[in-house]
N, C-alpha and C. Protein backbone atom coordinates (compact mmCIF):
# COMPACT_ATOMS: atom_id res chain seq x y z
N MET A 1 16.96 -207.49 23.49
CA MET A 1 16.11 -206.64 24.40
C MET A 1 16.65 -206.89 25.80
N ARG A 2 16.89 -208.14 26.14
CA ARG A 2 17.39 -208.11 27.72
C ARG A 2 18.73 -207.38 27.79
N LEU A 3 19.57 -207.83 26.92
CA LEU A 3 20.95 -206.92 27.07
C LEU A 3 20.75 -205.43 27.17
N THR A 4 19.79 -204.95 26.77
CA THR A 4 19.46 -203.55 26.92
C THR A 4 19.00 -203.20 28.10
N ILE A 5 18.26 -203.79 28.47
CA ILE A 5 17.44 -203.85 30.06
C ILE A 5 18.51 -204.14 31.04
N ALA A 6 19.37 -205.05 30.83
CA ALA A 6 20.40 -205.37 31.86
C ALA A 6 21.63 -204.11 31.94
N ARG A 7 21.82 -203.58 30.76
CA ARG A 7 22.53 -202.34 30.90
C ARG A 7 22.04 -201.43 31.54
N HIS A 8 20.69 -200.94 31.55
CA HIS A 8 20.13 -199.91 31.95
C HIS A 8 20.09 -200.12 33.33
N VAL A 9 19.68 -201.17 33.67
CA VAL A 9 19.74 -201.61 35.33
C VAL A 9 21.25 -201.54 35.67
N TYR A 10 22.23 -201.80 35.17
CA TYR A 10 23.62 -201.87 35.78
C TYR A 10 23.83 -200.31 35.78
N ARG A 11 23.87 -199.57 34.78
CA ARG A 11 23.96 -198.04 34.64
C ARG A 11 23.48 -197.51 36.03
N THR A 12 22.13 -197.77 36.12
CA THR A 12 21.19 -197.20 37.28
C THR A 12 21.92 -197.29 38.53
N VAL A 13 22.17 -198.73 38.81
CA VAL A 13 22.68 -199.07 39.72
C VAL A 13 23.99 -198.49 40.45
N ALA A 14 24.99 -198.61 39.19
CA ALA A 14 26.16 -197.76 39.29
C ALA A 14 26.14 -196.38 39.62
N MET A 15 25.19 -195.64 39.05
CA MET A 15 25.04 -194.32 39.26
C MET A 15 24.46 -193.86 40.85
N GLN A 16 23.73 -195.10 41.34
CA GLN A 16 23.08 -194.40 42.75
C GLN A 16 24.41 -194.93 43.75
N LYS A 17 25.27 -195.63 43.67
CA LYS A 17 26.36 -195.84 44.62
C LYS A 17 27.15 -194.29 45.09
N HIS A 18 26.95 -193.71 43.69
CA HIS A 18 27.68 -192.44 43.89
C HIS A 18 26.83 -191.19 44.22
N THR A 19 26.00 -190.91 45.04
CA THR A 19 25.19 -190.19 45.30
C THR A 19 25.75 -188.62 45.91
N GLU A 20 26.87 -188.96 46.78
CA GLU A 20 27.49 -187.72 47.01
C GLU A 20 28.41 -187.25 46.15
N PRO A 21 28.44 -185.99 46.16
CA PRO A 21 29.48 -185.49 45.14
C PRO A 21 30.70 -185.51 45.73
N HIS A 22 31.55 -185.66 44.77
CA HIS A 22 33.18 -185.35 45.33
C HIS A 22 33.58 -183.90 45.68
N PHE A 23 33.01 -183.04 44.86
CA PHE A 23 33.52 -181.83 45.03
C PHE A 23 32.29 -180.85 45.40
N LEU A 24 32.47 -179.77 46.09
CA LEU A 24 31.24 -178.85 46.58
C LEU A 24 31.54 -177.36 45.88
N SER A 25 30.62 -176.70 45.64
CA SER A 25 30.80 -175.44 45.19
C SER A 25 30.99 -174.72 46.28
N VAL A 26 31.37 -173.20 46.45
CA VAL A 26 31.37 -172.57 47.54
C VAL A 26 30.09 -172.14 47.98
N ALA A 27 28.87 -171.95 47.42
CA ALA A 27 27.65 -171.94 48.02
C ALA A 27 27.25 -173.04 48.75
N GLU A 28 27.58 -174.28 48.27
CA GLU A 28 27.40 -175.51 48.98
C GLU A 28 28.29 -175.76 50.34
N VAL A 29 29.24 -175.38 50.22
CA VAL A 29 30.07 -175.25 51.51
C VAL A 29 29.72 -174.45 52.67
N GLY A 30 29.16 -173.17 51.96
CA GLY A 30 28.44 -172.29 52.79
C GLY A 30 27.24 -172.76 53.49
N ALA A 31 26.68 -173.29 52.66
CA ALA A 31 25.19 -173.62 53.27
C ALA A 31 25.58 -174.94 54.22
N ARG A 32 26.43 -175.72 54.13
CA ARG A 32 26.72 -176.68 55.00
C ARG A 32 27.10 -176.20 56.30
N LEU A 33 28.08 -175.20 56.24
CA LEU A 33 28.48 -174.44 57.39
C LEU A 33 27.88 -173.35 57.94
N SER A 34 26.84 -172.85 57.33
CA SER A 34 25.97 -171.81 57.85
C SER A 34 26.88 -170.61 57.60
N PHE A 35 27.72 -170.37 56.74
CA PHE A 35 28.70 -169.45 56.41
C PHE A 35 28.13 -168.67 55.16
N HIS A 36 28.30 -167.58 55.02
CA HIS A 36 28.12 -166.84 53.82
C HIS A 36 29.10 -167.15 52.88
N PRO A 37 28.84 -167.26 51.40
CA PRO A 37 29.87 -167.69 50.59
C PRO A 37 31.06 -166.98 50.45
N THR A 38 30.88 -165.51 50.83
CA THR A 38 32.41 -164.77 50.79
C THR A 38 33.12 -165.10 51.91
N THR A 39 32.62 -165.84 52.95
CA THR A 39 33.50 -166.11 54.04
C THR A 39 34.00 -167.26 53.84
N VAL A 40 33.36 -168.22 52.79
CA VAL A 40 33.92 -169.55 52.43
C VAL A 40 35.17 -169.16 51.44
N ARG A 41 35.08 -168.16 50.79
CA ARG A 41 36.16 -167.51 49.57
C ARG A 41 37.08 -167.18 50.49
N LYS A 42 37.08 -166.32 51.55
CA LYS A 42 38.19 -165.75 52.45
C LYS A 42 38.86 -167.04 52.97
N MET A 43 38.18 -167.98 53.45
CA MET A 43 38.84 -168.96 54.06
C MET A 43 39.71 -169.87 53.04
N ILE A 44 39.19 -169.94 51.76
CA ILE A 44 40.10 -170.69 50.64
C ILE A 44 41.24 -169.69 50.35
N HIS A 45 41.17 -168.24 50.28
CA HIS A 45 42.16 -167.36 49.79
C HIS A 45 43.47 -167.53 50.69
N THR A 46 42.99 -167.60 52.22
CA THR A 46 43.90 -167.55 53.43
C THR A 46 44.38 -168.91 53.42
N GLY A 47 44.03 -169.97 52.99
CA GLY A 47 44.58 -171.39 53.07
C GLY A 47 44.13 -172.07 54.05
N GLU A 48 43.09 -171.52 54.76
CA GLU A 48 42.36 -172.08 55.91
C GLU A 48 41.65 -173.34 55.45
N LEU A 49 40.93 -173.38 54.23
CA LEU A 49 40.44 -174.53 53.55
C LEU A 49 40.64 -174.57 52.16
N PRO A 50 41.18 -175.81 51.95
CA PRO A 50 41.81 -176.24 50.64
C PRO A 50 40.84 -176.33 49.49
N ALA A 51 41.26 -175.85 48.52
CA ALA A 51 40.18 -175.88 47.38
C ALA A 51 40.97 -176.25 46.17
N THR A 52 40.14 -176.50 44.93
CA THR A 52 40.50 -176.56 43.57
C THR A 52 39.78 -175.80 42.50
N MET A 53 40.57 -175.21 41.63
CA MET A 53 39.92 -174.56 40.67
C MET A 53 39.65 -175.37 39.38
N LEU A 54 38.52 -175.62 39.21
CA LEU A 54 37.88 -176.53 38.36
C LEU A 54 37.20 -175.72 37.11
N ARG A 55 37.90 -175.67 35.78
CA ARG A 55 37.02 -174.77 34.76
C ARG A 55 36.62 -173.56 35.14
N GLY A 56 37.47 -172.85 36.09
CA GLY A 56 37.26 -171.52 36.38
C GLY A 56 36.39 -171.27 37.74
N THR A 57 36.09 -172.24 38.29
CA THR A 57 35.15 -172.33 39.36
C THR A 57 35.81 -172.93 40.58
N LEU A 58 35.65 -172.22 41.96
CA LEU A 58 36.45 -172.73 42.97
C LEU A 58 35.55 -174.06 43.49
N ARG A 59 36.18 -175.34 43.63
CA ARG A 59 35.53 -176.26 44.33
C ARG A 59 36.36 -176.76 45.61
N VAL A 60 35.59 -177.38 46.20
CA VAL A 60 36.16 -178.06 47.78
C VAL A 60 35.82 -179.44 47.79
N ARG A 61 36.82 -180.12 48.13
CA ARG A 61 36.55 -181.36 48.07
C ARG A 61 35.86 -182.04 49.29
N VAL A 62 34.83 -182.68 49.36
CA VAL A 62 34.13 -183.34 50.51
C VAL A 62 35.10 -183.77 51.51
N ALA A 63 36.09 -184.39 51.32
CA ALA A 63 36.96 -184.96 52.17
C ALA A 63 37.86 -183.86 53.00
N ASP A 64 38.14 -182.81 52.22
CA ASP A 64 38.91 -181.46 52.81
C ASP A 64 37.69 -180.94 53.74
N LEU A 65 36.54 -180.75 53.30
CA LEU A 65 35.60 -180.04 54.35
C LEU A 65 35.45 -180.96 55.59
N GLU A 66 35.31 -182.38 55.38
CA GLU A 66 35.24 -183.11 56.57
C GLU A 66 36.46 -182.99 57.58
N ALA A 67 37.43 -183.05 56.73
CA ALA A 67 38.69 -182.65 57.72
C ALA A 67 38.75 -181.43 58.29
N TYR A 68 38.61 -180.35 57.54
CA TYR A 68 38.24 -179.01 58.19
C TYR A 68 37.40 -179.39 59.24
N ILE A 69 36.28 -179.63 59.36
CA ILE A 69 35.27 -179.83 60.38
C ILE A 69 35.97 -180.46 61.52
N ASN A 70 36.46 -181.70 61.17
CA ASN A 70 37.17 -182.34 62.17
C ASN A 70 38.02 -181.72 63.04
N ALA A 71 39.04 -181.10 62.39
CA ALA A 71 39.91 -180.50 63.02
C ALA A 71 39.72 -179.25 63.92
N ALA A 72 38.28 -178.73 63.61
CA ALA A 72 37.95 -177.75 64.64
C ALA A 72 37.09 -178.05 65.80
N ALA A 73 36.79 -179.35 65.83
CA ALA A 73 36.10 -179.96 66.87
C ALA A 73 36.69 -179.61 67.99
N VAL A 74 35.84 -179.46 69.19
CA VAL A 74 36.20 -179.16 70.77
C VAL A 74 36.01 -180.29 71.31
N THR A 75 36.85 -180.62 72.37
CA THR A 75 36.59 -181.71 73.12
C THR A 75 36.49 -180.98 74.48
N PRO A 76 35.49 -181.42 75.12
CA PRO A 76 35.04 -180.88 76.48
C PRO A 76 36.06 -181.14 77.39
N SER A 77 36.51 -180.20 78.23
CA SER A 77 37.38 -180.54 79.18
C SER A 77 36.80 -180.48 80.65
N LYS A 78 37.37 -181.30 81.53
CA LYS A 78 36.93 -181.50 82.81
C LYS A 78 37.02 -180.13 83.90
N THR A 79 35.98 -179.77 84.26
CA THR A 79 36.01 -178.65 85.22
C THR A 79 36.39 -179.26 86.71
N GLU A 80 37.33 -178.62 87.29
CA GLU A 80 37.39 -178.68 88.65
C GLU A 80 36.55 -178.21 89.68
N GLU A 81 36.32 -178.86 90.35
CA GLU A 81 35.29 -178.51 91.54
C GLU A 81 35.69 -178.40 92.55
């Protein structure tokens, strides 16, 4: 009985460590960027945003989305007075 409870607790803790998915759907990417899913698909097809086809569905790695966002960051410039 103790072994069964220990296994359950271990599995529960192991599953809680990975709450962030490794891949996002086109709709999830669109929701995070406030873009329409069609816009996200166009970004993927033009190569602007890397994606993978998994079982017939386009998926974007979270790391690729974060890299896209970081690359688009704007640094403020000093204005001359």
